Amino acid sequence: MRLTPPRFARRTLLPVAAGLGAALLAGCGHATPSSADGSGQPERSGASASSLQGTVTVLAAASLTESFDELRKAFEAAHPGVTVETSYGSSATLVQQVDNGAPASVLALAGTAAAEPLDRSMVKDSKTFATNVLEVAVPPGNPGRVASITDLARPDVKVVLCADSVPCGKAAQATFTKARIVPNVVSKEVDVKAALAKVKLAEADAAVVYHSDVVAAKGAVTGVAIEPRYNTTLHYPVITLVDDAATRAFVAYLVSDTGLATVQSFGFGAP
């Protein structure tokens, strides 16, 4: 089975060796929507939007690519003195990088379990801002005739998954265990976007991805729902790693009514 290399957008961080950290997020809270200035632009930093300066470096799970690109553009428009640099990839890889000194202001992960290796001494704050569930993505026209999760066990259906070490791969394995099937896997990819790309290119009959990825694909793939009794839900934490006004303002925007509505418009569930 083949693993493709990690991808990053806008700012690339070099892979580094794995580090060990203490368990995190045992008391992770939920996001509380707010708009501190009453104008729809939340501001918890104590500084006005026009006075904020600096760069916020955001490392986010690959499944957040489209929603965080939209958030970045809106936040920068409201805060012209702030630049938001985003990098996307496997949650496991991002945590590994942060543990080994990669610069980051904010870490947004697919599932709280992904944060367990993170050195908790780095964490200033953590909130759950979204949820997500798995879905089967198939090419338009569904040439493999996939109607349910159990069809992925058919020998004529070429299935692509995320690698076992990343959240979407672990969630898929949990779902297969509940459904009591062994899928006909032809490839495992480094993150959910790489798995989805195989279906977009018609190199696979099906991929197990997140519902949000099917929504973000905008018709490039078709989604086949997984029965709730088999499905797996992931809770997405946003972890603040530095304590400066621009970073606090970005996180406040993410968990505001406006920010949460943006994330949910890409297929994510409420926290």
C-alpha atoms as a PDB file:
ATOM      1  CA  MET A   1       0.000   0.000   0.000  1.00  0.00           C
ATOM      2  CA  ARG A   2       1.324   3.432  -0.913  1.00  0.00           C
ATOM      3  CA  LEU A   3       1.642   6.530   1.218  1.00  0.00           C
ATOM      4  CA  THR A   4       1.926   9.884  -0.527  1.00  0.00           C
ATOM      5  CA  PRO A   5       3.959  12.721   1.071  1.00  0.00           C
ATOM      6  CA  PRO A   6       2.259  15.352   3.262  1.00  0.00           C
ATOM      7  CA  ARG A   7       0.933  18.523   1.649  1.00  0.00           C
ATOM      8  CA  PHE A   8       0.888  21.997   3.062  1.00  0.00           C
ATOM      9  CA  ALA A   9      -0.727  25.200   1.831  1.00  0.00           C
ATOM     10  CA  ARG A  10       0.562  28.752   1.892  1.00  0.00           C
ATOM     11  CA  ARG A  11       3.345  28.113   4.383  1.00  0.00           C
ATOM     12  CA  THR A  12       5.275  24.814   4.367  1.00  0.00           C
ATOM     13  CA  LEU A  13       6.709  23.360   7.565  1.00  0.00           C
ATOM     14  CA  LEU A  14       9.354  20.673   7.246  1.00  0.00           C
ATOM     15  CA  PRO A  15       8.547  17.278   8.752  1.00  0.00           C
ATOM     16  CA  VAL A  16      10.412  16.501  11.970  1.00  0.00           C
ATOM     17  CA  ALA A  17      10.854  13.496  14.230  1.00  0.00           C
ATOM     18  CA  ALA A  18       8.111  12.447  16.591  1.00  0.00           C
ATOM     19  CA  GLY A  19       8.073  13.785  20.164  1.00  0.00           C
ATOM     20  CA  LEU A  20       6.308  12.413  23.206  1.00  0.00           C
ATOM     21  CA  GLY A  21       3.974  14.598  25.272  1.00  0.00           C
ATOM     22  CA  ALA A  22       1.451  14.228  28.053  1.00  0.00           C
ATOM     23  CA  ALA A  23      -2.211  13.495  27.415  1.00  0.00           C
ATOM     24  CA  LEU A  24      -4.221  16.603  26.515  1.00  0.00           C
ATOM     25  CA  LEU A  25      -7.753  17.897  26.472  1.00  0.00           C
ATOM     26  CA  ALA A  26      -9.187  15.836  29.329  1.00  0.00           C
ATOM     27  CA  GLY A  27     -11.108  18.957  30.265  1.00  0.00           C
ATOM     28  CA  CYS A  28     -11.530  20.416  26.790  1.00  0.00           C
ATOM     29  CA  GLY A  29     -14.377  22.928  26.698  1.00  0.00           C
ATOM     30  CA  HIS A  30     -16.878  23.723  23.990  1.00  0.00           C
ATOM     31  CA  ALA A  31     -16.832  26.916  21.971  1.00  0.00           C
ATOM     32  CA  THR A  32     -19.125  29.643  23.194  1.00  0.00           C
ATOM     33  CA  PRO A  33     -20.315  31.842  20.312  1.00  0.00           C
ATOM     34  CA  SER A  34     -19.865  35.527  20.999  1.00  0.00           C
ATOM     35  CA  SER A  35     -19.460  38.916  19.404  1.00  0.00           C
ATOM     36  CA  ALA A  36     -17.665  41.058  21.933  1.00  0.00           C
ATOM     37  CA  ASP A  37     -18.041  44.383  20.172  1.00  0.00           C
ATOM     38  CA  GLY A  38     -21.632  43.772  19.056  1.00  0.00           C
ATOM     39  CA  SER A  39     -20.734  44.302  15.413  1.00  0.00           C
ATOM     40  CA  GLY A  40     -20.384  40.684  14.324  1.00  0.00           C
ATOM     41  CA  GLN A  41     -16.580  40.843  14.624  1.00  0.00           C
ATOM     42  CA  PRO A  42     -15.622  39.276  17.964  1.00  0.00           C
ATOM     43  CA  GLU A  43     -12.718  40.896  19.776  1.00  0.00           C
ATOM     44  CA  ARG A  44     -11.532  39.449  23.063  1.00  0.00           C
ATOM     45  CA  SER A  45      -7.987  40.775  22.980  1.00  0.00           C
ATOM     46  CA  GLY A  46      -8.809  44.173  24.440  1.00  0.00           C
ATOM     47  CA  ALA A  47      -7.458  45.868  21.291  1.00  0.00           C
ATOM     48  CA  SER A  48      -9.488  47.335  18.466  1.00  0.00           C
ATOM     49  CA  ALA A  49      -9.501  45.569  15.116  1.00  0.00           C
ATOM     50  CA  SER A  50      -7.642  48.468  13.484  1.00  0.00           C
ATOM     51  CA  SER A  51      -4.841  48.423  16.098  1.00  0.00           C
ATOM     52  CA  LEU A  52      -4.043  44.700  15.916  1.00  0.00           C
ATOM     53  CA  GLN A  53      -0.708  43.873  14.299  1.00  0.00           C
ATOM     54  CA  GLY A  54       1.291  40.740  13.658  1.00  0.00           C
ATOM     55  CA  THR A  55       1.201  37.268  12.157  1.00  0.00           C
ATOM     56  CA  VAL A  56      -0.926  34.348  13.315  1.00  0.00           C
ATOM     57  CA  THR A  57       0.458  30.974  12.215  1.00  0.00           C
ATOM     58  CA  VAL A  58      -2.322  28.393  12.021  1.00  0.00           C
ATOM     59  CA  LEU A  59      -1.651  24.673  11.617  1.00  0.00           C
ATOM     60  CA  ALA A  60      -4.890  22.893  10.763  1.00  0.00           C
ATOM     61  CA  ALA A  61      -6.106  19.436   9.822  1.00  0.00           C
ATOM     62  CA  ALA A  62      -6.405  18.849   6.085  1.00  0.00           C
ATOM     63  CA  SER A  63     -10.191  18.518   6.377  1.00  0.00           C
ATOM     64  CA  LEU A  64     -10.341  22.171   7.485  1.00  0.00           C
ATOM     65  CA  THR A  65      -8.654  23.518   4.341  1.00  0.00           C
ATOM     66  CA  GLU A  66     -11.631  25.151   2.645  1.00  0.00           C
ATOM     67  CA  SER A  67     -13.315  26.451   5.789  1.00  0.00           C
ATOM     68  CA  PHE A  68     -10.117  27.914   7.244  1.00  0.00           C
ATOM     69  CA  ASP A  69      -9.177  29.516   3.921  1.00  0.00           C
ATOM     70  CA  GLU A  70     -12.522  31.305   4.100  1.00  0.00           C
ATOM     71  CA  LEU A  71     -11.996  32.247   7.751  1.00  0.00           C
ATOM     72  CA  ARG A  72      -8.527  33.575   7.002  1.00  0.00           C
ATOM     73  CA  LYS A  73      -9.749  35.865   4.251  1.00  0.00           C
ATOM     74  CA  ALA A  74     -12.597  37.251   6.366  1.00  0.00           C
ATOM     75  CA  PHE A  75     -10.402  37.768   9.428  1.00  0.00           C
ATOM     76  CA  GLU A  76      -7.651  39.527   7.482  1.00  0.00           C
ATOM     77  CA  ALA A  77     -10.233  41.803   5.853  1.00  0.00           C
ATOM     78  CA  ALA A  78     -11.538  42.786   9.306  1.00  0.00           C
ATOM     79  CA  HIS A  79      -8.015  43.112  10.783  1.00  0.00           C
ATOM     80  CA  PRO A  80      -5.813  44.693   8.083  1.00  0.00           C
ATOM     81  CA  GLY A  81      -2.733  44.734  10.335  1.00  0.00           C
ATOM     82  CA  VAL A  82      -2.764  40.974  10.858  1.00  0.00           C
ATOM     83  CA  THR A  83      -1.528  38.271   8.489  1.00  0.00           C
ATOM     84  CA  VAL A  84      -2.808  34.720   8.955  1.00  0.00           C
ATOM     85  CA  GLU A  85      -0.497  32.021   7.619  1.00  0.00           C
ATOM     86  CA  THR A  86      -2.123  28.601   7.265  1.00  0.00           C
ATOM     87  CA  SER A  87      -0.593  25.155   6.809  1.00  0.00           C
ATOM     88  CA  TYR A  88      -2.676  22.002   6.361  1.00  0.00           C
ATOM     89  CA  GLY A  89      -1.871  18.352   6.783  1.00  0.00           C
ATOM     90  CA  SER A  90      -2.402  15.252   8.848  1.00  0.00           C
ATOM     91  CA  SER A  91      -3.240  16.107  12.474  1.00  0.00           C
ATOM     92  CA  ALA A  92      -0.679  13.558  13.647  1.00  0.00           C
ATOM     93  CA  THR A  93       2.050  15.211  11.583  1.00  0.00           C
ATOM     94  CA  LEU A  94       1.132  18.704  12.777  1.00  0.00           C
ATOM     95  CA  VAL A  95       1.270  17.675  16.448  1.00  0.00           C
ATOM     96  CA  GLN A  96       4.606  16.000  15.805  1.00  0.00           C
ATOM     97  CA  GLN A  97       5.957  19.203  14.281  1.00  0.00           C
ATOM     98  CA  VAL A  98       4.775  21.399  17.147  1.00  0.00           C
ATOM     99  CA  ASP A  99       6.266  19.026  19.733  1.00  0.00           C
ATOM    100  CA  ASN A 100       9.582  19.397  17.941  1.00  0.00           C
ATOM    101  CA  GLY A 101       9.618  23.176  17.843  1.00  0.00           C
ATOM    102  CA  ALA A 102       7.806  24.161  14.641  1.00  0.00           C
ATOM    103  CA  PRO A 103       6.460  27.712  15.018  1.00  0.00           C
ATOM    104  CA  ALA A 104       2.684  27.851  15.484  1.00  0.00           C
ATOM    105  CA  SER A 105       0.182  30.183  17.111  1.00  0.00           C
ATOM    106  CA  VAL A 106      -2.878  27.954  16.758  1.00  0.00           C
ATOM    107  CA  LEU A 107      -3.367  24.237  16.212  1.00  0.00           C
ATOM    108  CA  ALA A 108      -6.735  22.948  14.922  1.00  0.00           C
ATOM    109  CA  LEU A 109      -7.076  19.168  14.851  1.00  0.00           C
ATOM    110  CA  ALA A 110      -9.429  16.479  13.592  1.00  0.00           C
ATOM    111  CA  GLY A 111     -10.414  14.790  16.831  1.00  0.00           C
ATOM    112  CA  THR A 112      -9.231  15.282  20.409  1.00  0.00           C
ATOM    113  CA  ALA A 113      -7.324  11.997  20.343  1.00  0.00           C
ATOM    114  CA  ALA A 114      -4.910  13.527  17.828  1.00  0.00           C
ATOM    115  CA  ALA A 115      -3.801  16.014  20.505  1.00  0.00           C
ATOM    116  CA  GLU A 116      -2.767  13.375  23.039  1.00  0.00           C
ATOM    117  CA  PRO A 117       0.968  13.414  22.111  1.00  0.00           C
ATOM    118  CA  LEU A 118       1.096  17.231  22.354  1.00  0.00           C
ATOM    119  CA  ASP A 119       3.241  18.661  25.153  1.00  0.00           C
ATOM    120  CA  ARG A 120       0.578  20.174  27.385  1.00  0.00           C
ATOM    121  CA  SER A 121       3.004  22.783  28.735  1.00  0.00           C
ATOM    122  CA  MET A 122       2.646  24.544  25.372  1.00  0.00           C
ATOM    123  CA  VAL A 123      -1.126  24.848  25.618  1.00  0.00           C
ATOM    124  CA  LYS A 124      -2.587  28.224  26.609  1.00  0.00           C
ATOM    125  CA  ASP A 125      -6.222  27.308  25.906  1.00  0.00           C
ATOM    126  CA  SER A 126      -8.307  24.673  24.130  1.00  0.00           C
ATOM    127  CA  LYS A 127     -11.891  24.688  22.872  1.00  0.00           C
ATOM    128  CA  THR A 128     -14.008  22.323  20.783  1.00  0.00           C
ATOM    129  CA  PHE A 129     -15.343  24.256  17.790  1.00  0.00           C
ATOM    130  CA  ALA A 130     -16.766  21.606  15.423  1.00  0.00           C
ATOM    131  CA  THR A 131     -17.710  17.982  14.901  1.00  0.00           C
ATOM    132  CA  ASN A 132     -17.505  15.766  11.849  1.00  0.00           C
ATOM    133  CA  VAL A 133     -18.604  12.297  10.739  1.00  0.00           C
ATOM    134  CA  LEU A 134     -17.355   9.875   8.134  1.00  0.00           C
ATOM    135  CA  GLU A 135     -18.854   9.447   4.673  1.00  0.00           C
ATOM    136  CA  VAL A 136     -18.026   7.311   1.651  1.00  0.00           C
ATOM    137  CA  ALA A 137     -16.980   9.379  -1.373  1.00  0.00           C
ATOM    138  CA  VAL A 138     -17.476   7.860  -4.831  1.00  0.00           C
ATOM    139  CA  PRO A 139     -16.865   9.247  -8.336  1.00  0.00           C
ATOM    140  CA  PRO A 140     -19.819  10.861 -10.133  1.00  0.00           C
ATOM    141  CA  GLY A 141     -22.036   8.125 -11.502  1.00  0.00           C
ATOM    142  CA  ASN A 142     -20.853   5.725  -8.782  1.00  0.00           C
ATOM    143  CA  PRO A 143     -19.216   3.190 -11.159  1.00  0.00           C
ATOM    144  CA  GLY A 144     -18.540   0.788  -8.281  1.00  0.00           C
ATOM    145  CA  ARG A 145     -22.259   0.733  -7.370  1.00  0.00           C
ATOM    146  CA  VAL A 146     -21.499   1.483  -3.720  1.00  0.00           C
ATOM    147  CA  ALA A 147     -24.749   1.811  -1.786  1.00  0.00           C
ATOM    148  CA  SER A 148     -23.549   1.280   1.793  1.00  0.00           C
ATOM    149  CA  ILE A 149     -20.461   0.788   3.930  1.00  0.00           C
ATOM    150  CA  THR A 150     -20.783  -2.989   3.542  1.00  0.00           C
ATOM    151  CA  ASP A 151     -20.162  -2.707  -0.216  1.00  0.00           C
ATOM    152  CA  LEU A 152     -16.574  -1.688   0.549  1.00  0.00           C
ATOM    153  CA  ALA A 153     -15.848  -5.328   1.354  1.00  0.00           C
ATOM    154  CA  ARG A 154     -16.658  -6.438  -2.197  1.00  0.00           C
ATOM    155  CA  PRO A 155     -13.530  -7.608  -4.076  1.00  0.00           C
ATOM    156  CA  ASP A 156     -14.493  -5.592  -7.165  1.00  0.00           C
ATOM    157  CA  VAL A 157     -14.620  -2.265  -5.262  1.00  0.00           C
ATOM    158  CA  LYS A 158     -11.262  -0.454  -5.009  1.00  0.00           C
ATOM    159  CA  VAL A 159     -11.185   1.356  -1.667  1.00  0.00           C
ATOM    160  CA  VAL A 160      -8.813   4.109  -0.548  1.00  0.00           C
ATOM    161  CA  LEU A 161      -8.373   5.054   3.109  1.00  0.00           C
ATOM    162  CA  CYS A 162      -6.301   7.448   5.159  1.00  0.00           C
ATOM    163  CA  ALA A 163      -3.208   5.994   6.810  1.00  0.00           C
ATOM    164  CA  ASP A 164      -3.870   4.164  10.074  1.00  0.00           C
ATOM    165  CA  SER A 165      -1.859   6.740  12.041  1.00  0.00           C
ATOM    166  CA  VAL A 166      -4.045   9.737  11.151  1.00  0.00           C
ATOM    167  CA  PRO A 167      -7.516  10.560  12.532  1.00  0.00           C
ATOM    168  CA  CYS A 168      -9.539   9.729   9.416  1.00  0.00           C
ATOM    169  CA  GLY A 169      -7.787   6.367   9.159  1.00  0.00           C
ATOM    170  CA  LYS A 170      -8.351   5.523  12.820  1.00  0.00           C
ATOM    171  CA  ALA A 171     -12.005   6.587  12.581  1.00  0.00           C
ATOM    172  CA  ALA A 172     -12.489   4.436   9.474  1.00  0.00           C
ATOM    173  CA  GLN A 173     -11.041   1.403  11.236  1.00  0.00           C
ATOM    174  CA  ALA A 174     -13.413   1.964  14.175  1.00  0.00           C
ATOM    175  CA  THR A 175     -16.319   2.123  11.736  1.00  0.00           C
ATOM    176  CA  PHE A 176     -15.279  -1.083   9.951  1.00  0.00           C
ATOM    177  CA  THR A 177     -15.032  -2.840  13.304  1.00  0.00           C
ATOM    178  CA  LYS A 178     -18.570  -1.799  14.204  1.00  0.00           C
ATOM    179  CA  ALA A 179     -19.833  -2.857  10.761  1.00  0.00           C
ATOM    180  CA  ARG A 180     -17.852  -6.112  10.956  1.00  0.00           C
ATOM    181  CA  ILE A 181     -16.352  -5.792   7.501  1.00  0.00           C
ATOM    182  CA  VAL A 182     -12.885  -5.888   5.986  1.00  0.00           C
ATOM    183  CA  PRO A 183     -12.697  -3.408   3.093  1.00  0.00           C
ATOM    184  CA  ASN A 184     -10.902  -4.124  -0.167  1.00  0.00           C
ATOM    185  CA  VAL A 185      -8.185  -1.495   0.366  1.00  0.00           C
ATOM    186  CA  VAL A 186      -5.874  -0.692  -2.545  1.00  0.00           C
ATOM    187  CA  SER A 187      -4.147   2.369  -1.083  1.00  0.00           C
ATOM    188  CA  LYS A 188      -3.707   4.299   2.158  1.00  0.00           C
ATOM    189  CA  GLU A 189      -2.967   8.006   1.910  1.00  0.00           C
ATOM    190  CA  VAL A 190      -1.232  10.505   4.162  1.00  0.00           C
ATOM    191  CA  ASP A 191      -4.350  12.586   4.856  1.00  0.00           C
ATOM    192  CA  VAL A 192      -8.011  12.889   3.949  1.00  0.00           C
ATOM    193  CA  LYS A 193      -7.476  15.228   0.983  1.00  0.00           C
ATOM    194  CA  ALA A 194      -5.043  12.785  -0.592  1.00  0.00           C
ATOM    195  CA  ALA A 195      -7.580   9.974  -0.166  1.00  0.00           C
ATOM    196  CA  LEU A 196     -10.310  12.123  -1.686  1.00  0.00           C
ATOM    197  CA  ALA A 197      -8.074  12.990  -4.648  1.00  0.00           C
ATOM    198  CA  LYS A 198      -7.943   9.321  -5.660  1.00  0.00           C
ATOM    199  CA  VAL A 199     -11.721   9.332  -6.085  1.00  0.00           C
ATOM    200  CA  LYS A 200     -11.729  12.684  -7.885  1.00  0.00           C
ATOM    201  CA  LEU A 201      -9.230  11.245 -10.370  1.00  0.00           C
ATOM    202  CA  ALA A 202     -11.317   8.047 -10.728  1.00  0.00           C
ATOM    203  CA  GLU A 203      -8.366   5.991  -9.476  1.00  0.00           C
ATOM    204  CA  ALA A 204     -10.572   4.377  -6.839  1.00  0.00           C
ATOM    205  CA  ASP A 205     -14.209   3.352  -6.559  1.00  0.00           C
ATOM    206  CA  ALA A 206     -14.582   4.709  -3.027  1.00  0.00           C
ATOM    207  CA  ALA A 207     -12.775   6.512  -0.230  1.00  0.00           C
ATOM    208  CA  VAL A 208     -13.754   6.888   3.406  1.00  0.00           C
ATOM    209  CA  VAL A 209     -13.457  10.610   4.156  1.00  0.00           C
ATOM    210  CA  TYR A 210     -15.331  13.177   6.230  1.00  0.00           C
ATOM    211  CA  HIS A 211     -18.772  14.514   5.386  1.00  0.00           C
ATOM    212  CA  SER A 212     -17.199  17.978   5.194  1.00  0.00           C
ATOM    213  CA  ASP A 213     -14.847  16.824   2.432  1.00  0.00           C
ATOM    214  CA  VAL A 214     -17.768  15.661   0.304  1.00  0.00           C
ATOM    215  CA  VAL A 215     -19.487  19.027   0.836  1.00  0.00           C
ATOM    216  CA  ALA A 216     -16.301  20.969   0.005  1.00  0.00           C
ATOM    217  CA  ALA A 217     -15.783  18.922  -3.187  1.00  0.00           C
ATOM    218  CA  LYS A 218     -18.869  20.650  -4.674  1.00  0.00           C
ATOM    219  CA  GLY A 219     -20.013  17.823  -6.919  1.00  0.00           C
ATOM    220  CA  ALA A 220     -16.598  16.481  -7.868  1.00  0.00           C
ATOM    221  CA  VAL A 221     -17.542  13.388  -5.841  1.00  0.00           C
ATOM    222  CA  THR A 222     -20.800  11.887  -4.607  1.00  0.00           C
ATOM    223  CA  GLY A 223     -21.377  11.036  -0.960  1.00  0.00           C
ATOM    224  CA  VAL A 224     -22.784   7.750   0.332  1.00  0.00           C
ATOM    225  CA  ALA A 225     -23.943   8.126   3.933  1.00  0.00           C
ATOM    226  CA  ILE A 226     -22.755   5.699   6.607  1.00  0.00           C
ATOM    227  CA  GLU A 227     -25.412   4.431   8.982  1.00  0.00           C
ATOM    228  CA  PRO A 228     -25.229   6.201  12.371  1.00  0.00           C
ATOM    229  CA  ARG A 229     -24.827   2.890  14.218  1.00  0.00           C
ATOM    230  CA  TYR A 230     -21.575   2.313  12.319  1.00  0.00           C
ATOM    231  CA  ASN A 231     -20.350   5.872  11.912  1.00  0.00           C
ATOM    232  CA  THR A 232     -17.705   7.640  13.994  1.00  0.00           C
ATOM    233  CA  THR A 233     -17.928  11.240  15.226  1.00  0.00           C
ATOM    234  CA  LEU A 234     -14.832  13.374  15.752  1.00  0.00           C
ATOM    235  CA  HIS A 235     -14.711  16.524  17.917  1.00  0.00           C
ATOM    236  CA  TYR A 236     -12.364  19.209  16.578  1.00  0.00           C
ATOM    237  CA  PRO A 237     -10.315  21.218  19.120  1.00  0.00           C
ATOM    238  CA  VAL A 238      -8.664  24.580  18.481  1.00  0.00           C
ATOM    239  CA  ILE A 239      -5.575  24.827  20.674  1.00  0.00           C
ATOM    240  CA  THR A 240      -3.991  28.204  21.437  1.00  0.00           C
ATOM    241  CA  LEU A 241      -0.200  27.962  21.680  1.00  0.00           C
ATOM    242  CA  VAL A 242       0.848  31.621  22.058  1.00  0.00           C
ATOM    243  CA  ASP A 243      -0.710  34.413  24.088  1.00  0.00           C
ATOM    244  CA  ASP A 244      -0.787  37.544  21.966  1.00  0.00           C
ATOM    245  CA  ALA A 245      -3.601  39.871  20.951  1.00  0.00           C
ATOM    246  CA  ALA A 246      -3.728  38.829  17.286  1.00  0.00           C
ATOM    247  CA  THR A 247      -3.890  35.114  18.127  1.00  0.00           C
ATOM    248  CA  ARG A 248      -6.583  35.663  20.760  1.00  0.00           C
ATOM    249  CA  ALA A 249      -8.588  37.672  18.244  1.00  0.00           C
ATOM    250  CA  PHE A 250      -8.333  34.932  15.585  1.00  0.00           C
ATOM    251  CA  VAL A 251      -9.502  32.216  17.983  1.00  0.00           C
ATOM    252  CA  ALA A 252     -12.315  34.494  19.182  1.00  0.00           C
ATOM    253  CA  TYR A 253     -13.386  34.967  15.569  1.00  0.00           C
ATOM    254  CA  LEU A 254     -13.313  31.209  14.925  1.00  0.00           C
ATOM    255  CA  VAL A 255     -15.616  30.446  17.883  1.00  0.00           C
ATOM    256  CA  SER A 256     -17.932  33.411  17.267  1.00  0.00           C
ATOM    257  CA  ASP A 257     -21.370  33.037  15.666  1.00  0.00           C
ATOM    258  CA  THR A 258     -19.892  34.205  12.354  1.00  0.00           C
ATOM    259  CA  GLY A 259     -16.876  31.894  12.490  1.00  0.00           C
ATOM    260  CA  LEU A 260     -18.864  28.834  13.497  1.00  0.00           C
ATOM    261  CA  ALA A 261     -21.412  29.529  10.752  1.00  0.00           C
ATOM    262  CA  THR A 262     -18.553  29.627   8.215  1.00  0.00           C
ATOM    263  CA  VAL A 263     -17.154  26.297   9.411  1.00  0.00           C
ATOM    264  CA  GLN A 264     -20.604  24.690   9.438  1.00  0.00           C
ATOM    265  CA  SER A 265     -21.321  25.910   5.906  1.00  0.00           C
ATOM    266  CA  PHE A 266     -18.612  23.469   4.785  1.00  0.00           C
ATOM    267  CA  GLY A 267     -20.394  20.469   6.298  1.00  0.00           C
ATOM    268  CA  PHE A 268     -19.102  20.438   9.863  1.00  0.00           C
ATOM    269  CA  GLY A 269     -21.420  19.937  12.797  1.00  0.00           C
ATOM    270  CA  ALA A 270     -21.874  22.171  15.837  1.00  0.00           C
ATOM    271  CA  PRO A 271     -19.426  21.667  18.723  1.00  0.00           C
END
